[in-house]
Protein backbone atom coordinates (compact mmCIF):
# COMPACT_ATOMS: atom_id res chain seq x y z
CA MET A 1 0.00 0.00 0.00
CA GLY A 2 1.00 3.63 0.07
CA ALA A 3 0.63 6.70 2.21
CA SER A 4 -2.91 7.83 2.93
CA VAL A 5 -4.18 10.69 0.82
CA GLY A 6 -7.20 11.88 2.79
CA ASN A 7 -10.43 10.95 4.50
CA MET A 8 -13.29 8.99 2.98
CA VAL A 9 -16.65 9.42 4.65
CA THR A 10 -19.27 6.74 4.09
CA ARG A 11 -22.78 6.48 5.42
CA VAL A 12 -24.12 3.66 7.57
CA PRO A 13 -27.91 3.20 7.37
CA GLY A 14 -29.50 4.19 10.64
CA GLY A 15 -26.15 5.27 12.10
CA VAL A 16 -23.41 7.87 11.85
CA ASP A 17 -20.89 8.64 9.14
CA VAL A 18 -17.80 6.43 9.19
CA VAL A 19 -14.48 8.11 8.38
CA PHE A 20 -11.41 6.20 7.22
CA GLU A 21 -8.14 6.95 5.46
CA ALA A 22 -7.88 6.38 1.71
CA PRO A 23 -4.47 5.23 0.47
CA ARG A 24 -2.77 7.08 -2.38
CA TRP A 25 -2.01 3.86 -4.22
CA SER A 26 -2.22 0.11 -3.94
CA GLU A 27 -0.61 -2.72 -5.86
CA ARG A 28 -4.16 -3.95 -6.54
CA TRP A 29 -4.82 -0.74 -8.49
CA VAL A 30 -2.27 -1.41 -11.23
CA LEU A 31 -3.87 -1.15 -14.66
CA GLY A 32 -2.74 -4.08 -16.77
CA ASP A 33 -2.75 -4.37 -20.54
CA ASP A 34 -6.15 -6.06 -20.29
CA ALA A 35 -7.67 -3.32 -18.13
CA THR A 36 -10.46 -2.72 -20.64
CA MET A 37 -12.56 -5.87 -20.88
CA PRO A 38 -15.65 -6.49 -23.02
CA GLU A 39 -18.92 -5.77 -21.24
CA THR A 40 -22.52 -6.78 -21.83
CA ASP A 41 -24.70 -4.96 -24.36
CA ALA A 42 -26.80 -3.49 -21.54
CA HIS A 43 -23.71 -2.10 -19.82
CA LEU A 44 -22.39 -0.62 -23.07
CA LEU A 45 -25.74 0.98 -23.94
CA THR A 46 -26.06 2.53 -20.47
CA THR A 47 -22.49 3.84 -20.59
CA LYS A 48 -22.80 5.22 -24.13
CA LEU A 49 -26.05 7.02 -23.38
CA LEU A 50 -24.56 8.80 -20.37
CA MET A 51 -21.43 9.69 -22.34
CA ASP A 52 -23.50 11.02 -25.27
CA VAL A 53 -25.53 13.19 -22.90
CA LEU A 54 -22.34 14.79 -21.51
CA VAL A 55 -20.78 15.21 -24.98
CA ALA A 56 -23.92 17.00 -26.19
CA TRP A 57 -23.95 19.22 -23.08
CA ILE A 58 -20.35 20.26 -23.74
CA ALA A 59 -21.17 21.14 -27.36
CA ARG A 60 -24.39 22.95 -26.39
CA THR A 61 -22.67 25.10 -23.76
CA GLY A 62 -19.42 25.66 -25.67
CA ARG A 63 -17.28 24.46 -22.78
CA ASP A 64 -13.58 23.65 -22.95
CA ALA A 65 -14.19 20.14 -21.71
CA LYS A 66 -14.01 16.53 -22.81
CA ALA A 67 -16.28 13.60 -22.03
CA GLY A 68 -15.61 10.03 -22.96
CA SER A 69 -15.24 6.46 -21.80
CA ASN A 70 -12.43 4.19 -20.63
CA LEU A 71 -9.61 6.69 -20.35
CA ALA A 72 -6.87 5.47 -18.01
CA LEU A 73 -6.62 7.94 -15.13
CA ARG A 74 -3.25 7.97 -13.34
CA TRP A 75 -2.29 10.26 -10.45
CA ASP A 76 0.91 8.98 -8.81
CA ARG A 77 4.13 9.83 -10.68
CA GLU A 78 6.11 7.40 -8.51
CA HIS A 79 3.71 4.56 -9.38
CA PRO A 80 2.61 5.40 -12.93
CA LYS A 81 0.99 2.01 -13.57
CA VAL A 82 -1.49 2.61 -10.76
CA GLY A 83 -4.76 4.00 -12.01
CA VAL A 84 -8.46 3.63 -12.62
CA ASP A 85 -10.45 3.32 -15.82
CA PRO A 86 -13.82 5.10 -15.44
CA ASP A 87 -16.76 3.97 -17.56
CA VAL A 88 -17.57 7.64 -18.21
CA TYR A 89 -15.58 10.78 -17.39
CA LEU A 90 -15.87 14.55 -17.72
CA VAL A 91 -12.64 16.56 -17.71
CA GLU A 92 -12.59 20.36 -17.65
CA PRO A 93 -10.51 21.96 -19.03
CA ALA A 94 -9.95 19.43 -21.78
CA PRO A 95 -6.50 17.82 -21.98
CA PRO A 96 -4.25 19.17 -24.76
CA ASP A 97 -4.12 15.97 -26.80
CA ALA A 98 -7.45 15.05 -28.41
CA GLU A 99 -6.27 11.45 -28.93
CA LEU A 100 -5.15 11.01 -25.34
CA THR A 101 -5.47 7.46 -23.96
CA SER A 102 -4.00 8.09 -20.49
CA LEU A 103 -4.66 11.08 -18.24
CA ARG A 104 -1.65 11.69 -15.96
CA THR A 105 -2.54 14.36 -13.42
CA TRP A 106 1.10 15.29 -12.82
CA ALA A 107 1.58 16.18 -16.52
CA GLU A 108 1.12 19.71 -17.84
CA GLY A 109 -2.43 20.35 -19.00
CA HIS A 110 -3.76 17.18 -17.36
CA HIS A 111 -6.42 17.52 -14.68
CA ALA A 112 -8.41 15.03 -12.64
CA PRO A 113 -11.97 14.68 -13.98
CA ARG A 114 -14.74 16.79 -12.54
CA VAL A 115 -16.98 13.74 -12.80
CA ALA A 116 -16.36 10.01 -13.13
CA ALA A 117 -19.08 7.37 -13.43
CA GLU A 118 -19.06 3.62 -12.98
CA VAL A 119 -21.87 1.38 -14.24
CA VAL A 120 -21.76 -1.74 -12.09
CA SER A 121 -21.85 -5.14 -13.77
CA ARG A 122 -21.59 -8.59 -12.27
CA ARG A 123 -17.90 -8.68 -13.27
CA THR A 124 -17.03 -5.29 -11.77
CA ALA A 125 -19.30 -5.27 -8.70
CA ARG A 126 -16.65 -5.94 -6.07
CA LYS A 127 -14.19 -3.51 -7.60
CA ASP A 128 -16.75 -0.71 -8.03
CA TYR A 129 -18.12 -1.01 -4.48
CA ALA A 130 -15.09 -2.03 -2.42
CA GLU A 131 -12.27 -0.15 -4.12
CA GLY A 132 -13.89 2.36 -6.46
CA PRO A 133 -14.46 5.20 -3.97
CA ALA A 134 -10.95 4.85 -2.50
CA LYS A 135 -9.32 4.98 -5.94
CA TYR A 136 -11.33 8.02 -6.99
CA ALA A 137 -10.61 9.69 -3.66
CA ALA A 138 -6.90 9.22 -4.32
CA SER A 139 -7.14 10.36 -7.94
CA GLY A 140 -8.49 13.83 -7.23
CA VAL A 141 -11.84 13.29 -8.99
CA ARG A 142 -14.36 15.80 -7.68
CA GLU A 143 -17.53 13.72 -8.02
CA LEU A 144 -18.15 10.00 -8.52
CA TRP A 145 -21.38 8.37 -9.62
CA ILE A 146 -21.85 4.62 -9.11
CA PHE A 147 -24.91 3.25 -10.92
CA ASP A 148 -25.94 -0.30 -10.08
CA PRO A 149 -29.22 -0.98 -11.91
CA LYS A 150 -29.18 -4.75 -11.33
CA GLY A 151 -28.07 -4.69 -7.68
CA HIS A 152 -24.88 -6.65 -8.32
CA GLY A 153 -22.78 -4.86 -5.68
CA ARG A 154 -22.75 -4.96 -1.89
CA GLY A 155 -21.52 -2.30 0.49
CA ALA A 156 -19.51 -2.90 3.64
CA THR A 157 -22.60 -3.86 5.62
CA GLY A 158 -24.34 -5.71 2.79
CA GLU A 159 -26.29 -2.87 1.18
CA SER A 160 -26.93 -2.61 -2.53
CA TRP A 161 -27.76 0.83 -3.93
CA VAL A 162 -29.07 1.79 -7.34
CA LEU A 163 -27.20 5.09 -7.21
CA GLN A 164 -24.34 6.42 -5.15
CA VAL A 165 -22.90 9.93 -5.38
CA TRP A 166 -19.53 10.65 -3.80
CA ARG A 167 -18.32 14.24 -3.62
CA ARG A 168 -15.12 15.98 -2.60
CA THR A 169 -15.62 18.52 0.17
CA LYS A 170 -13.82 21.85 0.46
CA ALA A 171 -11.66 20.24 3.16
CA GLY A 172 -10.58 17.53 0.70
CA ALA A 173 -12.55 14.61 2.16
CA PHE A 174 -14.40 12.31 -0.24
CA ARG A 175 -17.93 11.93 1.10
CA GLN A 176 -20.78 9.64 0.14
CA GLU A 177 -23.57 12.18 -0.28
CA HIS A 178 -26.24 9.86 -1.67
CA ALA A 179 -26.89 6.13 -1.51
CA GLY A 180 -30.30 4.95 -2.60
CA GLU A 181 -32.78 4.85 -5.44
CA GLY A 182 -32.31 8.34 -6.83
CA PRO A 183 -32.78 10.96 -8.02
CA ALA A 184 -29.65 12.62 -6.66
CA TYR A 185 -28.23 16.09 -7.14
CA SER A 186 -24.89 16.66 -8.87
CA ASP A 187 -23.09 19.72 -7.55
CA GLU A 188 -20.60 19.54 -10.41
CA LEU A 189 -23.27 19.78 -13.10
CA GLY A 190 -25.85 21.78 -11.17
CA ALA A 191 -28.39 19.19 -12.31
CA TRP A 192 -30.17 16.02 -11.22
CA LEU A 193 -29.20 12.42 -11.85
CA VAL A 194 -32.35 10.46 -12.59
CA VAL A 195 -32.96 6.78 -13.30
CA THR A 196 -35.03 6.13 -16.42
CA ASP A 197 -36.14 3.34 -18.77
CA GLU A 198 -37.57 1.12 -16.04
CA GLY A 199 -34.45 1.45 -13.92
CA THR A 200 -31.91 0.57 -16.63
CA ARG A 201 -30.49 3.97 -17.61
CA LEU A 202 -28.93 6.92 -15.80
CA ARG A 203 -29.72 10.36 -17.22
CA VAL A 204 -29.13 14.00 -16.32
CA ALA A 205 -32.05 16.42 -15.98
CA ASP A 206 -32.69 20.03 -15.07
CA ASP A 207 -35.40 18.97 -12.62
CA GLU A 208 -35.69 16.37 -9.89
CA ALA A 209 -38.69 14.72 -11.55
CA GLY A 210 -36.69 14.11 -14.73
CA GLU A 211 -39.14 15.86 -17.01
CA ARG A 212 -36.46 18.05 -18.62
CA LEU A 213 -33.80 15.53 -19.56
CA TRP A 214 -30.53 16.66 -21.08
CA PRO A 215 -30.69 15.38 -24.67
CA THR A 216 -28.05 13.61 -26.67
CA GLU A 217 -27.11 15.23 -29.99
CA ALA A 218 -29.31 12.75 -31.85
CA GLU A 219 -32.26 13.44 -29.53
CA ALA A 220 -31.85 17.21 -29.92
CA GLU A 221 -31.73 16.92 -33.71
CA ARG A 222 -34.82 14.71 -33.73
CA ALA A 223 -36.73 17.12 -31.49
CA ALA A 224 -35.78 20.06 -33.72
CA ARG A 225 -36.87 18.17 -36.83
CA GLU A 226 -40.19 17.17 -35.26
CA ALA A 227 -40.80 20.76 -34.16
CA ALA A 228 -40.08 22.03 -37.67
CA GLU A 229 -42.40 19.43 -39.20
CA ALA A 230 -45.16 20.34 -36.75
CA GLU A 231 -44.79 24.03 -37.56
CA LEU A 232 -44.89 23.29 -41.28
CA ALA A 233 -48.04 21.22 -40.81
CA ARG A 234 -49.62 24.05 -38.83
CA LEU A 235 -48.85 26.60 -41.54
CA ARG A 236 -50.22 24.31 -44.27
CA ALA A 237 -53.41 23.79 -42.30
CA LEU A 238 -53.71 27.54 -41.80
CA LEU A 239 -53.28 28.24 -45.50
CA GLY A 240 -55.72 25.46 -46.41
CA SER A 241 -58.43 26.94 -44.22
CA ARG A 242 -58.41 30.24 -46.10
């Protein structure tokens, strides 16, 4: 193991917060050449939808940011093989190299993601629950979302949560701010995380009820096309009635 990097604060149902030290690195956290493994279609669809939502948000707001999937995040120069591979990430400002495959937070122009997300599968359940928060605490990530639609994971006292949100406090601690069904608020995005599609997808919305979902680029284009077609139909009907 390595030196501790700060406090992690996790919730215990019906009790008080539990604080423990998060290590800066662990030999178990080494990313091997096979770090990216094939996942199920459901996992890939859930991950891609969330990534597409963030990519569209970046384009819509004109931000200097980058969102993507499976970028190796490394934070310890003395142990450069140690890292984590988030299912979805949001980095702002964007790293200088558009084709970057490894984000090294000690390198110039490289920053820890504002947001990282893990979609739990049967294969990754133990890693995402038991080690995920500690790795992201060490990495400098500001907010972590863990989405477990099938209930594959188990917390320290046996809990399984559909949605967890971990957030870095001003004091540097990494705190579990939400563990439950959702929705949950994202401080980093100033928006709500909502579970949709009969519990299978995680989306971002302007409102807690999830009525104003952030669209993907394809969804926005489809909505604009349908609005234009409706307006054209209205004008034709108006002209036909004269």
